[in-house]
Amino acid sequence: MKRQLKKIQHSLNERRIKKSKGKNAFLPAYSMTEILIVLCIIGILLLMVLPNQTSVISQAKAIEAQSMLNHVFALEKSHFYRYSRYTSSFEELGFEPLLTIDQGGQAVYKIEIIAAGTNSFKATATSLSDFDSDGVFNVWEIDENKLLKEATKD
């Protein structure tokens, strides 16, 4: 009986020693330096990818200009069929431009009718933000023939 008790105490003591050694030992993990290096590499990869995305962003925002100019074209044609002339007044057309980003809205393009006469009109959508920071703002135009074109590329 005493032998069995000594064996049990001995095995318990061995377990305690192993546990205490385990607490002082390091667990396998990544060091802070390794984590920082990985984060730096991810940041560099992101910086390499982002400049390639500016063309995608400008194309997506140009859809706003194209849809608004197509809407203005439809309203101008309707006005022309009714009154046999084009107009430069948004009020006569019944067109209410969206609030632009400088007015607290979300529209990136400012819509203007720059010429309107008996047989022709021209409307433009000018970007209020420079997508690629080169100082050139995107401009789209539409005329009475529904010729929608990018007058100035950003």
N, C-alpha and C. Protein backbone atom coordinates (compact mmCIF):
# COMPACT_ATOMS: atom_id res chain seq x y z
N MET A 1 0.82 -1.18 0.00
CA MET A 1 0.00 0.00 0.00
C MET A 1 0.87 1.25 0.00
N LYS A 2 1.91 1.26 0.83
CA LYS A 2 2.80 2.39 0.88
C LYS A 2 3.50 2.57 -0.46
N ARG A 3 3.81 1.48 -1.10
CA ARG A 3 4.45 1.56 -2.41
C ARG A 3 3.54 2.23 -3.43
N GLN A 4 2.29 1.87 -3.42
CA GLN A 4 1.33 2.45 -4.37
C GLN A 4 1.18 3.96 -4.11
N LEU A 5 1.14 4.34 -2.84
CA LEU A 5 1.02 5.76 -2.50
C LEU A 5 2.26 6.52 -2.97
N LYS A 6 3.42 5.93 -2.78
CA LYS A 6 4.64 6.59 -3.22
C LYS A 6 4.66 6.73 -4.74
N LYS A 7 4.18 5.73 -5.48
CA LYS A 7 4.14 5.79 -6.93
C LYS A 7 3.19 6.90 -7.39
N ILE A 8 2.04 7.00 -6.73
CA ILE A 8 1.06 8.03 -7.10
C ILE A 8 1.64 9.42 -6.82
N GLN A 9 2.27 9.60 -5.65
CA GLN A 9 2.88 10.88 -5.32
C GLN A 9 4.00 11.21 -6.29
N HIS A 10 4.78 10.22 -6.64
CA HIS A 10 5.87 10.44 -7.59
C HIS A 10 5.34 10.87 -8.96
N SER A 11 4.28 10.21 -9.44
CA SER A 11 3.72 10.59 -10.75
C SER A 11 3.09 11.99 -10.69
N LEU A 12 2.45 12.33 -9.56
CA LEU A 12 1.89 13.68 -9.40
C LEU A 12 2.99 14.73 -9.38
N ASN A 13 4.08 14.44 -8.71
CA ASN A 13 5.21 15.37 -8.67
C ASN A 13 5.80 15.57 -10.06
N GLU A 14 5.89 14.48 -10.84
CA GLU A 14 6.41 14.59 -12.20
C GLU A 14 5.51 15.47 -13.06
N ARG A 15 4.19 15.31 -12.90
CA ARG A 15 3.25 16.13 -13.66
C ARG A 15 3.38 17.60 -13.28
N ARG A 16 3.53 17.88 -11.99
CA ARG A 16 3.69 19.28 -11.56
C ARG A 16 4.95 19.90 -12.14
N ILE A 17 6.00 19.13 -12.16
CA ILE A 17 7.27 19.62 -12.70
C ILE A 17 7.11 19.91 -14.19
N LYS A 18 6.46 19.00 -14.92
CA LYS A 18 6.25 19.21 -16.34
C LYS A 18 5.38 20.44 -16.60
N LYS A 19 4.33 20.62 -15.77
CA LYS A 19 3.45 21.78 -15.93
C LYS A 19 4.22 23.07 -15.68
N SER A 20 5.01 23.10 -14.64
CA SER A 20 5.74 24.33 -14.33
C SER A 20 6.78 24.64 -15.41
N LYS A 21 7.38 23.58 -15.96
CA LYS A 21 8.32 23.80 -17.05
C LYS A 21 7.58 24.30 -18.29
N GLY A 22 6.38 23.81 -18.53
CA GLY A 22 5.58 24.24 -19.68
C GLY A 22 5.18 25.70 -19.58
N LYS A 23 4.94 26.19 -18.38
CA LYS A 23 4.57 27.59 -18.21
C LYS A 23 5.73 28.52 -18.55
N ASN A 24 6.91 28.12 -18.26
CA ASN A 24 8.07 28.95 -18.53
C ASN A 24 8.55 28.81 -19.97
N ALA A 25 8.17 27.73 -20.62
CA ALA A 25 8.60 27.50 -21.99
C ALA A 25 7.74 28.35 -22.94
N PHE A 26 8.30 28.68 -24.11
CA PHE A 26 7.57 29.47 -25.11
C PHE A 26 6.69 28.57 -25.96
N LEU A 27 5.50 29.03 -26.24
CA LEU A 27 4.61 28.30 -27.14
C LEU A 27 4.99 28.65 -28.57
N PRO A 28 4.79 27.73 -29.51
CA PRO A 28 5.10 28.05 -30.90
C PRO A 28 4.10 29.07 -31.45
N ALA A 29 4.59 30.23 -31.87
CA ALA A 29 3.73 31.30 -32.39
C ALA A 29 4.58 32.22 -33.24
N TYR A 30 3.92 33.23 -33.86
CA TYR A 30 4.64 34.21 -34.67
C TYR A 30 5.10 35.35 -33.78
N SER A 31 6.27 35.86 -34.07
CA SER A 31 6.76 36.99 -33.30
C SER A 31 6.16 38.28 -33.85
N MET A 32 6.25 39.33 -33.09
CA MET A 32 5.71 40.63 -33.50
C MET A 32 6.41 41.12 -34.77
N THR A 33 7.69 40.86 -34.90
CA THR A 33 8.44 41.28 -36.08
C THR A 33 7.92 40.59 -37.34
N GLU A 34 7.64 39.31 -37.22
CA GLU A 34 7.12 38.57 -38.38
C GLU A 34 5.75 39.10 -38.79
N ILE A 35 4.90 39.41 -37.84
CA ILE A 35 3.58 39.95 -38.14
C ILE A 35 3.70 41.31 -38.81
N LEU A 36 4.59 42.16 -38.32
CA LEU A 36 4.79 43.49 -38.92
C LEU A 36 5.31 43.39 -40.35
N ILE A 37 6.20 42.45 -40.60
CA ILE A 37 6.74 42.27 -41.95
C ILE A 37 5.61 41.86 -42.90
N VAL A 38 4.76 40.94 -42.47
CA VAL A 38 3.64 40.50 -43.31
C VAL A 38 2.70 41.67 -43.59
N LEU A 39 2.40 42.48 -42.58
CA LEU A 39 1.52 43.64 -42.77
C LEU A 39 2.14 44.66 -43.73
N CYS A 40 3.45 44.86 -43.65
CA CYS A 40 4.12 45.78 -44.58
C CYS A 40 4.04 45.26 -46.01
N ILE A 41 4.22 43.99 -46.20
CA ILE A 41 4.12 43.41 -47.54
C ILE A 41 2.72 43.57 -48.10
N ILE A 42 1.70 43.33 -47.27
CA ILE A 42 0.31 43.51 -47.72
C ILE A 42 0.06 44.97 -48.09
N GLY A 43 0.58 45.91 -47.30
CA GLY A 43 0.43 47.33 -47.60
C GLY A 43 1.07 47.72 -48.92
N ILE A 44 2.25 47.20 -49.18
CA ILE A 44 2.94 47.50 -50.44
C ILE A 44 2.16 46.93 -51.62
N LEU A 45 1.62 45.73 -51.48
CA LEU A 45 0.81 45.15 -52.56
C LEU A 45 -0.44 45.98 -52.82
N LEU A 46 -1.07 46.48 -51.77
CA LEU A 46 -2.25 47.34 -51.94
C LEU A 46 -1.90 48.62 -52.67
N LEU A 47 -0.77 49.22 -52.32
CA LEU A 47 -0.35 50.45 -52.99
C LEU A 47 -0.05 50.22 -54.47
N MET A 48 0.38 49.02 -54.81
CA MET A 48 0.64 48.71 -56.22
C MET A 48 -0.65 48.50 -57.00
N VAL A 49 -1.69 48.01 -56.33
CA VAL A 49 -2.95 47.70 -57.01
C VAL A 49 -3.84 48.94 -57.14
N LEU A 50 -3.86 49.83 -56.16
CA LEU A 50 -4.79 50.96 -56.15
C LEU A 50 -4.67 51.90 -57.35
N PRO A 51 -3.49 52.27 -57.83
CA PRO A 51 -3.44 53.14 -59.01
C PRO A 51 -4.09 52.51 -60.24
N ASN A 52 -4.08 51.20 -60.34
CA ASN A 52 -4.73 50.54 -61.47
C ASN A 52 -6.24 50.60 -61.38
N GLN A 53 -6.77 50.89 -60.20
CA GLN A 53 -8.22 50.92 -59.99
C GLN A 53 -8.83 52.28 -60.33
N THR A 54 -8.02 53.33 -60.53
CA THR A 54 -8.59 54.65 -60.79
C THR A 54 -9.36 54.68 -62.10
N SER A 55 -8.93 53.94 -63.11
CA SER A 55 -9.67 53.92 -64.37
C SER A 55 -11.02 53.24 -64.18
N VAL A 56 -11.08 52.22 -63.37
CA VAL A 56 -12.34 51.53 -63.11
C VAL A 56 -13.29 52.46 -62.37
N ILE A 57 -12.77 53.21 -61.42
CA ILE A 57 -13.59 54.15 -60.65
C ILE A 57 -14.13 55.24 -61.55
N SER A 58 -13.29 55.81 -62.40
CA SER A 58 -13.76 56.88 -63.29
C SER A 58 -14.77 56.37 -64.30
N GLN A 59 -14.62 55.14 -64.77
CA GLN A 59 -15.60 54.56 -65.69
C GLN A 59 -16.94 54.35 -65.00
N ALA A 60 -16.90 53.92 -63.75
CA ALA A 60 -18.14 53.70 -63.01
C ALA A 60 -18.86 55.02 -62.76
N LYS A 61 -18.10 56.06 -62.44
CA LYS A 61 -18.73 57.36 -62.19
C LYS A 61 -19.20 58.01 -63.48
N ALA A 62 -18.57 57.69 -64.61
CA ALA A 62 -19.00 58.25 -65.90
C ALA A 62 -20.38 57.75 -66.30
N ILE A 63 -20.78 56.61 -65.77
CA ILE A 63 -22.12 56.10 -66.04
C ILE A 63 -23.18 57.08 -65.54
N GLU A 64 -22.89 57.74 -64.44
CA GLU A 64 -23.80 58.78 -63.92
C GLU A 64 -24.00 59.89 -64.95
N ALA A 65 -22.90 60.37 -65.52
CA ALA A 65 -22.98 61.44 -66.51
C ALA A 65 -23.75 60.98 -67.75
N GLN A 66 -23.46 59.79 -68.21
CA GLN A 66 -24.12 59.28 -69.41
C GLN A 66 -25.62 59.13 -69.21
N SER A 67 -26.03 58.61 -68.06
CA SER A 67 -27.46 58.41 -67.84
C SER A 67 -28.19 59.75 -67.70
N MET A 68 -27.57 60.72 -67.02
CA MET A 68 -28.22 62.04 -66.89
C MET A 68 -28.31 62.74 -68.24
N LEU A 69 -27.26 62.64 -69.06
CA LEU A 69 -27.30 63.27 -70.38
C LEU A 69 -28.33 62.59 -71.28
N ASN A 70 -28.46 61.29 -71.19
CA ASN A 70 -29.50 60.60 -71.96
C ASN A 70 -30.89 61.04 -71.52
N HIS A 71 -31.06 61.29 -70.23
CA HIS A 71 -32.34 61.78 -69.72
C HIS A 71 -32.62 63.19 -70.26
N VAL A 72 -31.60 64.05 -70.24
CA VAL A 72 -31.76 65.40 -70.79
C VAL A 72 -32.10 65.33 -72.27
N PHE A 73 -31.43 64.43 -73.01
CA PHE A 73 -31.72 64.27 -74.43
C PHE A 73 -33.20 63.91 -74.66
N ALA A 74 -33.70 62.96 -73.89
CA ALA A 74 -35.10 62.54 -74.04
C ALA A 74 -36.05 63.70 -73.75
N LEU A 75 -35.74 64.47 -72.71
CA LEU A 75 -36.59 65.63 -72.38
C LEU A 75 -36.51 66.70 -73.47
N GLU A 76 -35.31 66.94 -74.00
CA GLU A 76 -35.15 67.92 -75.08
C GLU A 76 -35.92 67.50 -76.33
N LYS A 77 -35.86 66.21 -76.69
CA LYS A 77 -36.59 65.73 -77.86
C LYS A 77 -38.09 65.90 -77.65
N SER A 78 -38.56 65.58 -76.46
CA SER A 78 -39.98 65.74 -76.16
C SER A 78 -40.38 67.22 -76.27
N HIS A 79 -39.53 68.10 -75.74
CA HIS A 79 -39.79 69.54 -75.82
C HIS A 79 -39.77 70.01 -77.28
N PHE A 80 -38.84 69.47 -78.07
CA PHE A 80 -38.74 69.83 -79.48
C PHE A 80 -40.00 69.41 -80.25
N TYR A 81 -40.50 68.21 -80.00
CA TYR A 81 -41.70 67.74 -80.69
C TYR A 81 -42.93 68.56 -80.31
N ARG A 82 -42.92 69.07 -79.10
CA ARG A 82 -44.06 69.85 -78.64
C ARG A 82 -44.00 71.30 -79.12
N TYR A 83 -42.79 71.94 -79.05
CA TYR A 83 -42.67 73.37 -79.33
C TYR A 83 -41.83 73.70 -80.57
N SER A 84 -41.31 72.72 -81.26
CA SER A 84 -40.48 72.88 -82.47
C SER A 84 -39.22 73.70 -82.21
N ARG A 85 -38.69 73.58 -81.03
CA ARG A 85 -37.42 74.22 -80.68
C ARG A 85 -36.86 73.53 -79.44
N TYR A 86 -35.56 73.67 -79.27
CA TYR A 86 -34.91 73.16 -78.06
C TYR A 86 -34.83 74.29 -77.05
N THR A 87 -34.63 73.94 -75.78
CA THR A 87 -34.57 74.95 -74.74
C THR A 87 -33.31 74.76 -73.89
N SER A 88 -32.87 75.85 -73.28
CA SER A 88 -31.72 75.77 -72.38
C SER A 88 -32.17 75.85 -70.91
N SER A 89 -33.47 75.80 -70.69
CA SER A 89 -34.00 75.91 -69.34
C SER A 89 -34.39 74.53 -68.80
N PHE A 90 -33.80 74.20 -67.67
CA PHE A 90 -34.17 72.95 -67.01
C PHE A 90 -35.63 72.99 -66.56
N GLU A 91 -36.08 74.17 -66.18
CA GLU A 91 -37.45 74.33 -65.71
C GLU A 91 -38.46 74.00 -66.82
N GLU A 92 -38.19 74.49 -68.03
CA GLU A 92 -39.08 74.18 -69.16
C GLU A 92 -39.07 72.69 -69.49
N LEU A 93 -37.92 72.07 -69.31
CA LEU A 93 -37.81 70.64 -69.59
C LEU A 93 -38.46 69.79 -68.51
N GLY A 94 -38.54 70.33 -67.32
CA GLY A 94 -39.01 69.53 -66.19
C GLY A 94 -37.92 68.65 -65.61
N PHE A 95 -36.68 69.10 -65.82
CA PHE A 95 -35.52 68.34 -65.33
C PHE A 95 -35.00 69.00 -64.06
N GLU A 96 -34.85 68.21 -63.02
CA GLU A 96 -34.31 68.73 -61.77
C GLU A 96 -32.97 68.04 -61.52
N PRO A 97 -31.86 68.78 -61.71
CA PRO A 97 -30.55 68.16 -61.50
C PRO A 97 -30.37 67.72 -60.05
N LEU A 98 -29.67 66.63 -59.88
CA LEU A 98 -29.37 66.14 -58.54
C LEU A 98 -28.42 67.10 -57.84
N LEU A 99 -28.48 67.13 -56.51
CA LEU A 99 -27.52 67.95 -55.76
C LEU A 99 -26.12 67.37 -55.95
N THR A 100 -25.18 68.25 -56.27
CA THR A 100 -23.80 67.81 -56.50
C THR A 100 -23.06 67.70 -55.18
N ILE A 101 -21.86 67.14 -55.24
CA ILE A 101 -21.09 66.92 -54.02
C ILE A 101 -20.70 68.22 -53.34
N ASP A 102 -20.57 69.30 -54.11
CA ASP A 102 -20.24 70.58 -53.49
C ASP A 102 -21.48 71.28 -52.91
N GLN A 103 -22.67 70.74 -53.19
CA GLN A 103 -23.91 71.26 -52.63
C GLN A 103 -24.45 70.36 -51.52
N GLY A 104 -23.68 69.35 -51.15
CA GLY A 104 -24.09 68.43 -50.10
C GLY A 104 -24.82 67.20 -50.62
N GLY A 105 -24.86 67.02 -51.93
CA GLY A 105 -25.51 65.85 -52.52
C GLY A 105 -24.51 64.77 -52.87
N GLN A 106 -24.93 63.88 -53.76
CA GLN A 106 -24.05 62.76 -54.14
C GLN A 106 -23.65 62.77 -55.60
N ALA A 107 -24.21 63.68 -56.40
CA ALA A 107 -23.88 63.72 -57.83
C ALA A 107 -22.46 64.24 -58.02
N VAL A 108 -21.70 63.55 -58.85
CA VAL A 108 -20.31 63.92 -59.11
C VAL A 108 -20.21 64.84 -60.33
N TYR A 109 -21.23 64.84 -61.17
CA TYR A 109 -21.21 65.63 -62.41
C TYR A 109 -22.22 66.77 -62.35
N LYS A 110 -21.82 67.91 -62.89
CA LYS A 110 -22.71 69.06 -63.02
C LYS A 110 -23.23 69.09 -64.45
N ILE A 111 -24.55 69.11 -64.60
CA ILE A 111 -25.20 69.07 -65.91
C ILE A 111 -25.53 70.51 -66.32
N GLU A 112 -25.19 70.83 -67.59
CA GLU A 112 -25.49 72.16 -68.14
C GLU A 112 -25.94 72.00 -69.59
N ILE A 113 -26.86 72.86 -70.01
CA ILE A 113 -27.22 72.96 -71.42
C ILE A 113 -26.51 74.21 -71.93
N ILE A 114 -25.48 74.00 -72.73
CA ILE A 114 -24.64 75.14 -73.13
C ILE A 114 -25.12 75.81 -74.41
N ALA A 115 -25.91 75.11 -75.21
CA ALA A 115 -26.44 75.72 -76.44
C ALA A 115 -27.80 75.10 -76.75
N ALA A 116 -28.75 75.94 -77.10
CA ALA A 116 -30.07 75.46 -77.50
C ALA A 116 -30.64 76.44 -78.52
N GLY A 117 -31.15 75.91 -79.61
CA GLY A 117 -31.72 76.75 -80.65
C GLY A 117 -32.90 76.08 -81.30
N THR A 118 -33.20 76.52 -82.50
CA THR A 118 -34.34 75.97 -83.23
C THR A 118 -34.10 74.54 -83.67
N ASN A 119 -32.88 74.25 -84.11
CA ASN A 119 -32.61 72.92 -84.65
C ASN A 119 -31.54 72.13 -83.91
N SER A 120 -30.95 72.69 -82.89
CA SER A 120 -29.87 71.96 -82.22
C SER A 120 -29.78 72.34 -80.74
N PHE A 121 -29.11 71.46 -80.03
CA PHE A 121 -28.77 71.74 -78.63
C PHE A 121 -27.52 70.94 -78.27
N LYS A 122 -26.87 71.38 -77.22
CA LYS A 122 -25.71 70.66 -76.71
C LYS A 122 -25.74 70.77 -75.19
N ALA A 123 -25.65 69.61 -74.53
CA ALA A 123 -25.61 69.57 -73.08
C ALA A 123 -24.30 68.91 -72.65
N THR A 124 -23.78 69.34 -71.52
CA THR A 124 -22.53 68.78 -71.01
C THR A 124 -22.70 68.32 -69.56
N ALA A 125 -21.88 67.37 -69.20
CA ALA A 125 -21.77 66.91 -67.82
C ALA A 125 -20.29 67.04 -67.46
N THR A 126 -20.00 67.91 -66.50
CA THR A 126 -18.62 68.17 -66.10
C THR A 126 -18.39 67.61 -64.70
N SER A 127 -17.34 66.84 -64.57
CA SER A 127 -17.00 66.25 -63.28
C SER A 127 -16.55 67.32 -62.30
N LEU A 128 -16.97 67.19 -61.06
CA LEU A 128 -16.55 68.13 -60.03
C LEU A 128 -15.35 67.62 -59.24
N SER A 129 -14.97 66.37 -59.49
CA SER A 129 -13.79 65.85 -58.81
C SER A 129 -12.83 65.29 -59.84
N ASP A 130 -11.56 65.45 -59.55
CA ASP A 130 -10.49 64.98 -60.43
C ASP A 130 -10.15 63.55 -60.00
N PHE A 131 -10.54 62.56 -60.79
CA PHE A 131 -10.42 61.17 -60.38
C PHE A 131 -8.99 60.70 -60.23
N ASP A 132 -8.09 61.15 -61.10
CA ASP A 132 -6.71 60.68 -61.03
C ASP A 132 -5.73 61.78 -60.61
N SER A 133 -6.25 62.89 -60.12
CA SER A 133 -5.45 63.99 -59.55
C SER A 133 -4.43 64.55 -60.54
N ASP A 134 -4.81 64.67 -61.81
CA ASP A 134 -3.89 65.24 -62.79
C ASP A 134 -4.29 66.65 -63.21
N GLY A 135 -5.34 67.20 -62.60
CA GLY A 135 -5.77 68.57 -62.90
C GLY A 135 -6.75 68.67 -64.05
N VAL A 136 -7.09 67.55 -64.68
CA VAL A 136 -8.04 67.53 -65.80
C VAL A 136 -9.34 66.91 -65.31
N PHE A 137 -10.46 67.57 -65.59
CA PHE A 137 -11.76 67.09 -65.16
C PHE A 137 -12.49 66.45 -66.34
N ASN A 138 -13.20 65.39 -66.08
CA ASN A 138 -13.91 64.63 -67.10
C ASN A 138 -15.13 65.42 -67.59
N VAL A 139 -15.33 65.49 -68.93
CA VAL A 139 -16.47 66.19 -69.52
C VAL A 139 -17.11 65.29 -70.57
N TRP A 140 -18.44 65.13 -70.46
CA TRP A 140 -19.22 64.38 -71.44
C TRP A 140 -20.18 65.34 -72.13
N GLU A 141 -20.47 65.09 -73.42
CA GLU A 141 -21.38 65.93 -74.19
C GLU A 141 -22.41 65.07 -74.90
N ILE A 142 -23.58 65.68 -75.13
CA ILE A 142 -24.61 65.04 -75.95
C ILE A 142 -25.25 66.14 -76.80
N ASP A 143 -25.67 65.78 -78.01
CA ASP A 143 -26.31 66.78 -78.88
C ASP A 143 -27.66 66.27 -79.36
N GLU A 144 -28.26 67.01 -80.28
CA GLU A 144 -29.62 66.68 -80.77
C GLU A 144 -29.67 65.36 -81.53
N ASN A 145 -28.54 64.84 -81.99
CA ASN A 145 -28.49 63.56 -82.69
C ASN A 145 -28.20 62.39 -81.75
N LYS A 146 -28.22 62.66 -80.48
CA LYS A 146 -27.89 61.68 -79.42
C LYS A 146 -26.47 61.17 -79.55
N LEU A 147 -25.59 62.05 -80.01
CA LEU A 147 -24.18 61.72 -80.10
C LEU A 147 -23.56 61.99 -78.73
N LEU A 148 -23.41 60.93 -77.98
CA LEU A 148 -22.84 61.02 -76.64
C LEU A 148 -21.36 60.72 -76.73
N LYS A 149 -20.53 61.69 -76.32
CA LYS A 149 -19.09 61.48 -76.43
C LYS A 149 -18.38 62.09 -75.23
N GLU A 150 -17.22 61.57 -74.98
CA GLU A 150 -16.38 62.07 -73.89
C GLU A 150 -15.50 63.19 -74.48
N ALA A 151 -15.84 64.44 -74.15
CA ALA A 151 -15.11 65.58 -74.71
C ALA A 151 -13.72 65.70 -74.09
N THR A 152 -13.63 65.52 -72.78
CA THR A 152 -12.36 65.59 -72.09
C THR A 152 -12.23 64.36 -71.21
N LYS A 153 -11.18 63.61 -71.47
CA LYS A 153 -10.96 62.38 -70.70
C LYS A 153 -10.12 62.68 -69.48
N ASP A 154 -10.52 62.10 -68.34
CA ASP A 154 -9.75 62.29 -67.10
C ASP A 154 -8.81 61.11 -66.93
